[in-house]
């Protein structure tokens, strides 16, 4: 019984310590601590409210369209090569276009992140 109470107490103490983690903001930049660490801040791009963060939709759509267009060119092995080349180029273009759209529509934001470093 005493062991269970002691374990429960330790678990509660552990949760309390985790819940009280220190966060730092831009106002703390340059703050020094006794252990030699300093608060440093940097800008970081974060994704916000995006349903396709890896831009799969744009990549796949571009690859399909590029492959179809490439298939219209040449004949024989040249046609196969044009189809593959069109799919690769279309996929890269589709990914780029979707990324630009997400950035312009506010799906990506830049925020300041501050942390203790040596």
Protein backbone atom coordinates (compact mmCIF):
# COMPACT_ATOMS: atom_id res chain seq x y z
CA UNK A 1 0.00 0.00 0.00
CA UNK A 2 2.76 2.47 0.93
CA UNK A 3 4.64 1.61 -2.26
CA UNK A 4 1.58 2.40 -4.39
CA UNK A 5 1.06 5.72 -2.66
CA UNK A 6 4.74 6.56 -3.09
CA UNK A 7 4.64 5.63 -6.80
CA UNK A 8 1.48 7.65 -7.31
CA UNK A 9 3.12 10.62 -5.61
CA UNK A 10 6.20 10.34 -7.82
CA UNK A 11 4.04 10.08 -10.94
CA UNK A 12 2.11 13.19 -9.91
CA UNK A 13 5.36 15.04 -9.23
CA UNK A 14 6.64 14.04 -12.67
CA UNK A 15 3.48 15.33 -14.35
CA UNK A 16 3.73 18.57 -12.44
CA UNK A 17 7.31 19.10 -13.60
CA UNK A 18 6.39 18.46 -17.22
CA UNK A 19 3.42 20.81 -17.03
CA UNK A 20 5.64 23.67 -15.81
CA UNK A 21 8.08 23.74 -18.74
CA UNK A 22 9.59 27.19 -19.31
CA UNK A 23 8.85 28.99 -22.56
CA UNK A 24 10.75 32.01 -23.85
CA UNK A 25 9.75 34.86 -26.12
CA UNK A 26 11.55 37.58 -28.08
CA UNK A 27 11.65 39.73 -24.95
CA UNK A 28 13.96 37.11 -23.36
CA UNK A 29 16.55 37.12 -26.17
CA UNK A 30 20.06 37.43 -24.79
CA UNK A 31 19.03 36.41 -21.27
CA UNK A 32 21.88 34.48 -19.59
CA UNK A 33 21.61 31.69 -17.04
CA UNK A 34 24.05 30.37 -14.43
CA UNK A 35 24.58 27.12 -16.35
CA UNK A 36 26.06 29.05 -19.31
CA UNK A 37 23.00 28.90 -21.54
CA UNK A 38 21.55 31.90 -23.37
CA UNK A 39 18.12 32.46 -24.87
CA UNK A 40 18.42 32.75 -28.66
CA UNK A 41 15.55 33.48 -31.05
CA UNK A 42 15.16 32.73 -34.75
CA UNK A 43 12.46 32.97 -37.39
CA UNK A 44 10.85 29.70 -38.41
CA UNK A 45 8.31 28.95 -41.13
CA UNK A 46 5.44 26.80 -39.92
CA UNK A 47 2.53 25.23 -41.73
CA UNK A 48 -0.82 26.38 -40.57
CA UNK A 49 -4.23 24.98 -41.46
CA UNK A 50 -3.12 23.12 -44.56
CA UNK A 51 -4.74 19.87 -45.58
CA UNK A 52 -1.89 18.85 -47.93
CA UNK A 53 1.40 19.95 -46.34
CA UNK A 54 3.52 17.70 -48.62
CA UNK A 55 1.84 19.05 -51.77
CA UNK A 56 0.89 15.56 -52.97
CA UNK A 57 -2.20 16.78 -54.86
CA UNK A 58 -0.24 19.24 -56.99
CA UNK A 59 2.54 16.74 -57.64
CA UNK A 60 0.19 13.96 -58.74
CA UNK A 61 -2.03 16.23 -60.86
CA UNK A 62 1.03 17.75 -62.54
CA UNK A 63 2.54 14.32 -63.21
CA UNK A 64 -0.66 13.06 -64.81
CA UNK A 65 -1.05 16.12 -67.03
CA UNK A 66 2.66 16.12 -67.92
CA UNK A 67 2.57 12.41 -68.73
CA UNK A 68 -0.46 12.84 -70.98
CA UNK A 69 1.15 15.75 -72.81
CA UNK A 70 4.46 13.89 -73.14
CA UNK A 71 2.64 10.89 -74.57
CA UNK A 72 1.49 13.02 -77.52
CA UNK A 73 5.10 13.55 -78.65
CA UNK A 74 7.25 11.20 -80.73
CA UNK A 75 6.87 7.52 -81.48
CA UNK A 76 8.27 4.19 -80.26
CA UNK A 77 10.85 4.47 -77.49
CA UNK A 78 10.92 8.25 -77.92
CA UNK A 79 7.26 8.33 -76.99
CA UNK A 80 7.94 6.38 -73.79
CA UNK A 81 10.81 8.69 -72.88
CA UNK A 82 8.67 11.77 -73.58
CA UNK A 83 5.88 10.35 -71.39
CA UNK A 84 8.23 9.74 -68.45
CA UNK A 85 9.94 13.12 -68.93
CA UNK A 86 6.58 14.87 -69.10
CA UNK A 87 5.40 13.15 -65.93
CA UNK A 88 8.55 14.13 -64.02
CA UNK A 89 8.49 17.73 -65.25
CA UNK A 90 4.73 17.99 -64.66
CA UNK A 91 5.06 16.60 -61.12
CA UNK A 92 7.78 19.11 -60.25
CA UNK A 93 5.76 21.97 -61.75
CA UNK A 94 2.56 20.90 -59.97
CA UNK A 95 4.37 20.72 -56.62
CA UNK A 96 5.83 24.20 -57.16
CA UNK A 97 2.50 25.71 -58.18
CA UNK A 98 0.70 24.23 -55.18
CA UNK A 99 3.45 25.49 -52.86
CA UNK A 100 3.11 29.00 -54.26
CA UNK A 101 -0.67 28.85 -53.84
CA UNK A 102 -0.37 27.69 -50.22
CA UNK A 103 2.13 30.42 -49.43
CA UNK A 104 -0.02 33.11 -51.06
CA UNK A 105 -3.20 31.91 -49.36
CA UNK A 106 -1.62 32.07 -45.91
CA UNK A 107 -1.11 28.37 -45.29
CA UNK A 108 2.45 29.09 -44.19
CA UNK A 109 3.44 31.66 -41.61
CA UNK A 110 6.74 32.78 -40.11
CA UNK A 111 6.96 32.92 -36.33
CA UNK A 112 9.72 33.67 -33.85
CA UNK A 113 10.95 30.65 -31.86
CA UNK A 114 13.12 31.20 -28.77
CA UNK A 115 15.08 28.52 -26.90
CA UNK A 116 18.00 28.11 -24.51
CA UNK A 117 21.29 27.23 -26.17
CA UNK A 118 24.95 27.12 -25.21
